[in-house]
PDB file of N, CA and C in Angstrom:
ATOM      1  N   MET A   1      -0.143  -1.193   0.141  1.00  0.00           N
ATOM      2  CA  MET A   1       0.270  -0.100  -0.079  1.00  0.00           C
ATOM      3  C   MET A   1       0.678   1.176   0.120  1.00  0.00           C
ATOM      4  N   THR A   2       0.658   2.083  -0.725  1.00  0.00           N
ATOM      5  CA  THR A   2       1.437   3.417  -1.159  1.00  0.00           C
ATOM      6  C   THR A   2       0.776   3.748   0.485  1.00  0.00           C
ATOM      7  N   ASP A   3       1.966   5.405   0.470  1.00  0.00           N
ATOM      8  CA  ASP A   3       1.405   5.967   0.680  1.00  0.00           C
ATOM      9  C   ASP A   3      -0.522   7.596   0.256  1.00  0.00           C
ATOM     10  N   THR A   4      -0.273   7.538  -0.281  1.00  0.00           N
ATOM     11  CA  THR A   4      -1.624   7.592  -0.721  1.00  0.00           C
ATOM     12  C   THR A   4      -3.029   6.906  -0.833  1.00  0.00           C
ATOM     13  N   ASP A   5      -2.260   5.465  -1.187  1.00  0.00           N
ATOM     14  CA  ASP A   5      -3.854   4.534  -0.847  1.00  0.00           C
ATOM     15  C   ASP A   5      -4.212   3.994  -0.205  1.00  0.00           C
ATOM     16  N   ARG A   6      -3.045   4.378   1.232  1.00  0.00           N
ATOM     17  CA  ARG A   6      -3.545   4.548   2.682  1.00  0.00           C
ATOM     18  C   ARG A   6      -4.024   5.529   3.477  1.00  0.00           C
ATOM     19  N   PRO A   7      -5.202   5.099   4.680  1.00  0.00           N
ATOM     20  CA  PRO A   7      -6.672   6.294   5.578  1.00  0.00           C
ATOM     21  C   PRO A   7      -5.446   6.914   5.424  1.00  0.00           C
ATOM     22  N   ASP A   8      -6.647   7.988   6.975  1.00  0.00           N
ATOM     23  CA  ASP A   8      -5.253   8.414   7.284  1.00  0.00           C
ATOM     24  C   ASP A   8      -5.325   7.748   8.528  1.00  0.00           C
ATOM     25  N   THR A   9      -5.556   7.085   8.952  1.00  0.00           N
ATOM     26  CA  THR A   9      -5.640   6.567  10.658  1.00  0.00           C
ATOM     27  C   THR A   9      -5.041   4.823  10.147  1.00  0.00           C
ATOM     28  N   PRO A  10      -4.986   4.482  10.345  1.00  0.00           N
ATOM     29  CA  PRO A  10      -4.664   2.842  10.895  1.00  0.00           C
ATOM     30  C   PRO A  10      -6.044   1.850  11.469  1.00  0.00           C
ATOM     31  N   CYS A  11      -6.612   3.613  12.729  1.00  0.00           N
ATOM     32  CA  CYS A  11      -8.502   2.608  13.277  1.00  0.00           C
ATOM     33  C   CYS A  11      -8.927   1.659  12.542  1.00  0.00           C
ATOM     34  N   VAL A  12      -9.284   0.214  12.982  1.00  0.00           N
ATOM     35  CA  VAL A  12     -10.449  -0.143  12.832  1.00  0.00           C
ATOM     36  C   VAL A  12     -11.597   0.491  12.622  1.00  0.00           C
ATOM     37  N   GLY A  13     -11.707   0.488  14.253  1.00  0.00           N
ATOM     38  CA  GLY A  13     -13.215   0.125  14.861  1.00  0.00           C
ATOM     39  C   GLY A  13     -13.110  -1.001  15.489  1.00  0.00           C
ATOM     40  N   VAL A  14     -11.703  -1.326  15.908  1.00  0.00           N
ATOM     41  CA  VAL A  14     -11.769  -3.560  16.471  1.00  0.00           C
ATOM     42  C   VAL A  14     -10.789  -1.862  17.590  1.00  0.00           C
ATOM     43  N   CYS A  15     -11.071  -1.161  18.487  1.00  0.00           N
ATOM     44  CA  CYS A  15      -9.480  -1.601  19.700  1.00  0.00           C
ATOM     45  C   CYS A  15     -10.610  -2.267  20.856  1.00  0.00           C
ATOM     46  N   SER A  16      -9.690  -2.879  21.201  1.00  0.00           N
ATOM     47  CA  SER A  16      -8.800  -3.203  21.968  1.00  0.00           C
ATOM     48  C   SER A  16      -6.773  -3.403  22.441  1.00  0.00           C
ATOM     49  N   THR A  17      -6.870  -3.611  23.920  1.00  0.00           N
ATOM     50  CA  THR A  17      -5.802  -2.979  24.987  1.00  0.00           C
ATOM     51  C   THR A  17      -6.235  -3.756  25.806  1.00  0.00           C
ATOM     52  N   THR A  18      -7.040  -4.667  25.999  1.00  0.00           N
ATOM     53  CA  THR A  18      -6.947  -5.874  27.053  1.00  0.00           C
ATOM     54  C   THR A  18      -5.825  -6.527  28.004  1.00  0.00           C
ATOM     55  N   PHE A  19      -4.997  -6.388  27.022  1.00  0.00           N
ATOM     56  CA  PHE A  19      -3.906  -7.534  27.326  1.00  0.00           C
ATOM     57  C   PHE A  19      -2.396  -7.356  27.765  1.00  0.00           C
ATOM     58  N   ASP A  20      -2.332  -5.828  27.068  1.00  0.00           N
ATOM     59  CA  ASP A  20      -1.405  -5.395  26.820  1.00  0.00           C
ATOM     60  C   ASP A  20      -1.472  -4.268  26.009  1.00  0.00           C
ATOM     61  N   GLU A  21      -0.460  -3.382  26.421  1.00  0.00           N
ATOM     62  CA  GLU A  21       0.050  -1.730  25.806  1.00  0.00           C
ATOM     63  C   GLU A  21      -0.429  -1.640  23.654  1.00  0.00           C
ATOM     64  N   VAL A  22      -0.857  -2.999  23.725  1.00  0.00           N
ATOM     65  CA  VAL A  22      -1.091  -3.143  21.753  1.00  0.00           C
ATOM     66  C   VAL A  22      -2.308  -2.596  21.907  1.00  0.00           C
ATOM     67  N   CYS A  23      -2.812  -2.062  20.659  1.00  0.00           N
ATOM     68  CA  CYS A  23      -4.383  -1.952  19.586  1.00  0.00           C
ATOM     69  C   CYS A  23      -4.228  -3.513  19.663  1.00  0.00           C
ATOM     70  N   ARG A  24      -5.165  -4.302  19.147  1.00  0.00           N
ATOM     71  CA  ARG A  24      -5.610  -5.398  18.844  1.00  0.00           C
ATOM     72  C   ARG A  24      -6.451  -5.795  16.923  1.00  0.00           C
ATOM     73  N   GLY A  25      -6.714  -4.495  17.109  1.00  0.00           N
ATOM     74  CA  GLY A  25      -7.522  -4.025  15.712  1.00  0.00           C
ATOM     75  C   GLY A  25      -6.483  -3.486  14.828  1.00  0.00           C
ATOM     76  N   CYS A  26      -5.604  -2.515  15.336  1.00  0.00           N
ATOM     77  CA  CYS A  26      -4.622  -1.309  14.441  1.00  0.00           C
ATOM     78  C   CYS A  26      -3.169  -1.782  15.494  1.00  0.00           C
ATOM     79  N   GLY A  27      -3.097  -2.135  15.501  1.00  0.00           N
ATOM     80  CA  GLY A  27      -1.385  -2.569  15.479  1.00  0.00           C
ATOM     81  C   GLY A  27      -0.397  -1.141  17.206  1.00  0.00           C
ATOM     82  N   ARG A  28      -0.986   0.053  17.007  1.00  0.00           N
ATOM     83  CA  ARG A  28      -0.853   0.998  17.412  1.00  0.00           C
ATOM     84  C   ARG A  28      -0.876   0.770  19.116  1.00  0.00           C
ATOM     85  N   THR A  29       0.623   1.079  19.494  1.00  0.00           N
ATOM     86  CA  THR A  29      -0.128   1.081  20.771  1.00  0.00           C
ATOM     87  C   THR A  29      -0.487   2.243  21.623  1.00  0.00           C
ATOM     88  N   VAL A  30      -1.262   2.172  23.033  1.00  0.00           N
ATOM     89  CA  VAL A  30      -1.825   3.753  22.852  1.00  0.00           C
ATOM     90  C   VAL A  30      -1.486   4.830  23.396  1.00  0.00           C
ATOM     91  N   ALA A  31      -0.137   4.877  23.362  1.00  0.00           N
ATOM     92  CA  ALA A  31       0.045   6.490  22.846  1.00  0.00           C
ATOM     93  C   ALA A  31       0.227   6.224  21.969  1.00  0.00           C
ATOM     94  N   GLU A  32       0.633   5.721  21.290  1.00  0.00           N
ATOM     95  CA  GLU A  32       0.734   6.361  19.521  1.00  0.00           C
ATOM     96  C   GLU A  32      -0.931   6.855  19.104  1.00  0.00           C
ATOM     97  N   VAL A  33      -1.888   5.631  19.208  1.00  0.00           N
ATOM     98  CA  VAL A  33      -3.283   6.285  19.507  1.00  0.00           C
ATOM     99  C   VAL A  33      -3.127   7.726  20.019  1.00  0.00           C
ATOM    100  N   ALA A  34      -2.977   7.867  21.159  1.00  0.00           N
ATOM    101  CA  ALA A  34      -3.366   8.171  21.603  1.00  0.00           C
ATOM    102  C   ALA A  34      -3.096   9.918  20.994  1.00  0.00           C
ATOM    103  N   ASN A  35      -1.534   9.626  20.109  1.00  0.00           N
ATOM    104  CA  ASN A  35      -1.217  11.035  19.734  1.00  0.00           C
ATOM    105  C   ASN A  35      -0.687  11.708  18.636  1.00  0.00           C
ATOM    106  N   TRP A  36      -1.791  10.223  17.685  1.00  0.00           N
ATOM    107  CA  TRP A  36      -1.853   9.825  15.921  1.00  0.00           C
ATOM    108  C   TRP A  36      -1.789  11.451  15.459  1.00  0.00           C
ATOM    109  N   VAL A  37      -2.753  11.776  16.127  1.00  0.00           N
ATOM    110  CA  VAL A  37      -3.763  13.557  15.572  1.00  0.00           C
ATOM    111  C   VAL A  37      -1.897  14.533  16.209  1.00  0.00           C
ATOM    112  N   PHE A  38      -1.434  14.656  16.814  1.00  0.00           N
ATOM    113  CA  PHE A  38      -0.282  15.215  17.267  1.00  0.00           C
ATOM    114  C   PHE A  38       0.832  14.806  16.096  1.00  0.00           C
ATOM    115  N   MET A  39       1.378  13.580  15.680  1.00  0.00           N
ATOM    116  CA  MET A  39       2.077  13.527  15.244  1.00  0.00           C
ATOM    117  C   MET A  39       3.039  13.700  13.477  1.00  0.00           C
ATOM    118  N   LEU A  40       3.839  13.546  13.772  1.00  0.00           N
ATOM    119  CA  LEU A  40       4.344  14.754  12.599  1.00  0.00           C
ATOM    120  C   LEU A  40       3.890  12.992  11.418  1.00  0.00           C
ATOM    121  N   PRO A  41       3.804  13.410   9.448  1.00  0.00           N
ATOM    122  CA  PRO A  41       4.060  12.931   8.657  1.00  0.00           C
ATOM    123  C   PRO A  41       5.178  11.652   8.751  1.00  0.00           C
ATOM    124  N   GLU A  42       6.383  12.197   9.504  1.00  0.00           N
ATOM    125  CA  GLU A  42       7.656  11.008   8.896  1.00  0.00           C
ATOM    126  C   GLU A  42       7.144  10.404  10.865  1.00  0.00           C
ATOM    127  N   GLN A  43       6.516  10.584  11.331  1.00  0.00           N
ATOM    128  CA  GLN A  43       6.289   9.641  13.160  1.00  0.00           C
ATOM    129  C   GLN A  43       5.247   8.744  12.108  1.00  0.00           C
ATOM    130  N   LYS A  44       4.128   8.941  11.240  1.00  0.00           N
ATOM    131  CA  LYS A  44       3.374   8.192  11.060  1.00  0.00           C
ATOM    132  C   LYS A  44       3.699   7.565  10.150  1.00  0.00           C
ATOM    133  N   ASP A  45       4.449   7.968   9.609  1.00  0.00           N
ATOM    134  CA  ASP A  45       5.212   6.368   8.367  1.00  0.00           C
ATOM    135  C   ASP A  45       6.210   5.421   9.241  1.00  0.00           C
ATOM    136  N   SER A  46       6.516   6.222  10.073  1.00  0.00           N
ATOM    137  CA  SER A  46       7.738   4.980  11.257  1.00  0.00           C
ATOM    138  C   SER A  46       6.468   4.153  12.168  1.00  0.00           C
ATOM    139  N   VAL A  47       4.728   4.715  12.071  1.00  0.00           N
ATOM    140  CA  VAL A  47       4.038   3.515  12.029  1.00  0.00           C
ATOM    141  C   VAL A  47       2.929   2.666  11.663  1.00  0.00           C
ATOM    142  N   TRP A  48       3.634   3.326  10.271  1.00  0.00           N
ATOM    143  CA  TRP A  48       2.662   2.411   9.437  1.00  0.00           C
ATOM    144  C   TRP A  48       3.198   1.066   8.282  1.00  0.00           C
ATOM    145  N   LEU A  49       4.696   1.764   8.590  1.00  0.00           N
ATOM    146  CA  LEU A  49       5.581   0.897   8.489  1.00  0.00           C
ATOM    147  C   LEU A  49       5.838  -0.212   9.109  1.00  0.00           C
ATOM    148  N   ARG A  50       5.947  -0.324  10.544  1.00  0.00           N
ATOM    149  CA  ARG A  50       6.082  -0.653  11.675  1.00  0.00           C
ATOM    150  C   ARG A  50       4.346  -2.730  12.000  1.00  0.00           C
ATOM    151  N   ILE A  51       3.465  -1.066  12.243  1.00  0.00           N
ATOM    152  CA  ILE A  51       2.614  -2.130  11.916  1.00  0.00           C
ATOM    153  C   ILE A  51       1.763  -3.104  10.313  1.00  0.00           C
ATOM    154  N   THR A  52       2.174  -2.879   9.344  1.00  0.00           N
ATOM    155  CA  THR A  52       1.930  -3.562   8.824  1.00  0.00           C
ATOM    156  C   THR A  52       2.934  -4.145   8.039  1.00  0.00           C
ATOM    157  N   ALA A  53       4.594  -4.459   8.925  1.00  0.00           N
ATOM    158  CA  ALA A  53       4.947  -5.206   9.716  1.00  0.00           C
ATOM    159  C   ALA A  53       4.609  -6.563  10.257  1.00  0.00           C
ATOM    160  N   ALA A  54       3.989  -6.378  10.836  1.00  0.00           N
ATOM    161  CA  ALA A  54       3.523  -7.064  11.693  1.00  0.00           C
ATOM    162  C   ALA A  54       2.156  -7.718  11.486  1.00  0.00           C
ATOM    163  N   GLY A  55       1.147  -7.241  10.620  1.00  0.00           N
ATOM    164  CA  GLY A  55       0.080  -8.174   9.679  1.00  0.00           C
ATOM    165  C   GLY A  55      -1.103  -7.747  10.147  1.00  0.00           C
ATOM    166  N   TYR A  56      -0.653  -5.523  10.796  1.00  0.00           N
ATOM    167  CA  TYR A  56      -1.989  -5.421  11.290  1.00  0.00           C
ATOM    168  C   TYR A  56      -2.069  -3.506   9.807  1.00  0.00           C
ATOM    169  N   PRO A  57      -3.199  -3.387   9.230  1.00  0.00           N
ATOM    170  CA  PRO A  57      -4.623  -3.143  10.608  1.00  0.00           C
ATOM    171  C   PRO A  57      -5.276  -5.145  10.677  1.00  0.00           C
ATOM    172  N   ARG A  58      -6.243  -5.633  11.489  1.00  0.00           N
ATOM    173  CA  ARG A  58      -6.082  -6.132  10.864  1.00  0.00           C
ATOM    174  C   ARG A  58      -7.562  -6.130  10.910  1.00  0.00           C
ATOM    175  N   ARG A  59      -8.207  -5.886   9.615  1.00  0.00           N
ATOM    176  CA  ARG A  59      -9.909  -5.777   9.640  1.00  0.00           C
ATOM    177  C   ARG A  59     -10.755  -6.599   9.541  1.00  0.00           C
ATOM    178  N   ASN A  60     -10.979  -7.904  10.002  1.00  0.00           N
ATOM    179  CA  ASN A  60     -11.120  -8.712  10.874  1.00  0.00           C
ATOM    180  C   ASN A  60     -11.778  -9.739  11.543  1.00  0.00           C
ATOM    181  N   THR A  61     -10.876  -8.980  12.978  1.00  0.00           N
ATOM    182  CA  THR A  61     -10.983  -9.425  13.712  1.00  0.00           C
ATOM    183  C   THR A  61     -11.913  -9.729  14.345  1.00  0.00           C
TER     184      THR A  61
END
Protein backbone atom coordinates (compact mmCIF):
# COMPACT_ATOMS: atom_id res chain seq x y z
CA MET A 1 0.00 0.00 0.00
CA THR A 2 1.43 3.35 -0.97
CA ASP A 3 1.22 6.48 1.16
CA THR A 4 -1.50 7.88 -1.11
CA ASP A 5 -3.55 4.66 -0.96
CA ARG A 6 -3.62 4.23 2.79
CA PRO A 7 -6.24 5.80 5.03
CA ASP A 8 -5.51 8.75 7.32
CA THR A 9 -5.42 6.44 10.33
CA PRO A 10 -4.82 2.73 10.86
CA CYS A 11 -7.88 2.55 13.14
CA VAL A 12 -10.33 -0.16 12.12
CA GLY A 13 -12.82 0.36 14.94
CA VAL A 14 -11.71 -2.81 16.74
CA CYS A 15 -10.15 -1.11 19.72
CA SER A 16 -8.83 -3.43 22.38
CA THR A 17 -5.79 -3.22 24.60
CA THR A 18 -7.07 -5.68 27.18
CA PHE A 19 -3.93 -7.75 27.54
CA ASP A 20 -1.15 -5.29 26.73
CA GLU A 21 -0.44 -1.78 25.47
CA VAL A 22 -0.98 -2.65 21.78
CA CYS A 23 -4.35 -2.38 20.08
CA ARG A 24 -5.45 -5.71 18.63
CA GLY A 25 -7.19 -3.94 15.74
CA CYS A 26 -4.60 -1.49 14.44
CA GLY A 27 -1.36 -2.55 16.12
CA ARG A 28 -0.55 0.86 17.54
CA THR A 29 0.46 1.44 21.14
CA VAL A 30 -1.86 3.31 23.47
CA ALA A 31 0.46 6.34 23.22
CA GLU A 32 0.47 6.22 19.41
CA VAL A 33 -3.33 6.12 19.32
CA ALA A 34 -3.60 9.02 21.76
CA ASN A 35 -1.02 11.15 19.93
CA TRP A 36 -1.81 10.22 16.31
CA VAL A 37 -3.34 13.60 15.40
CA PHE A 38 -0.26 15.40 16.72
CA MET A 39 2.35 13.20 15.02
CA LEU A 40 4.45 14.41 12.10
CA PRO A 41 4.02 12.62 8.77
CA GLU A 42 7.43 10.97 9.22
CA GLN A 43 6.38 9.62 12.61
CA LYS A 44 3.15 8.26 11.15
CA ASP A 45 5.10 6.64 8.31
CA SER A 46 7.31 4.89 10.84
CA VAL A 47 4.27 3.55 12.70
CA TRP A 48 2.64 2.42 9.43
CA LEU A 49 5.79 0.55 8.44
CA ARG A 50 5.98 -1.25 11.78
CA ILE A 51 2.32 -2.21 12.01
CA THR A 52 1.98 -3.38 8.41
CA ALA A 53 5.11 -5.52 8.82
CA ALA A 54 3.41 -7.09 11.84
CA GLY A 55 0.22 -7.83 9.89
CA TYR A 56 -1.88 -4.88 10.99
CA PRO A 57 -4.33 -3.28 10.67
CA ARG A 58 -6.60 -6.29 11.15
CA ARG A 59 -9.96 -5.49 9.74
CA ASN A 60 -11.53 -8.89 10.47
CA THR A 61 -10.56 -9.66 14.06
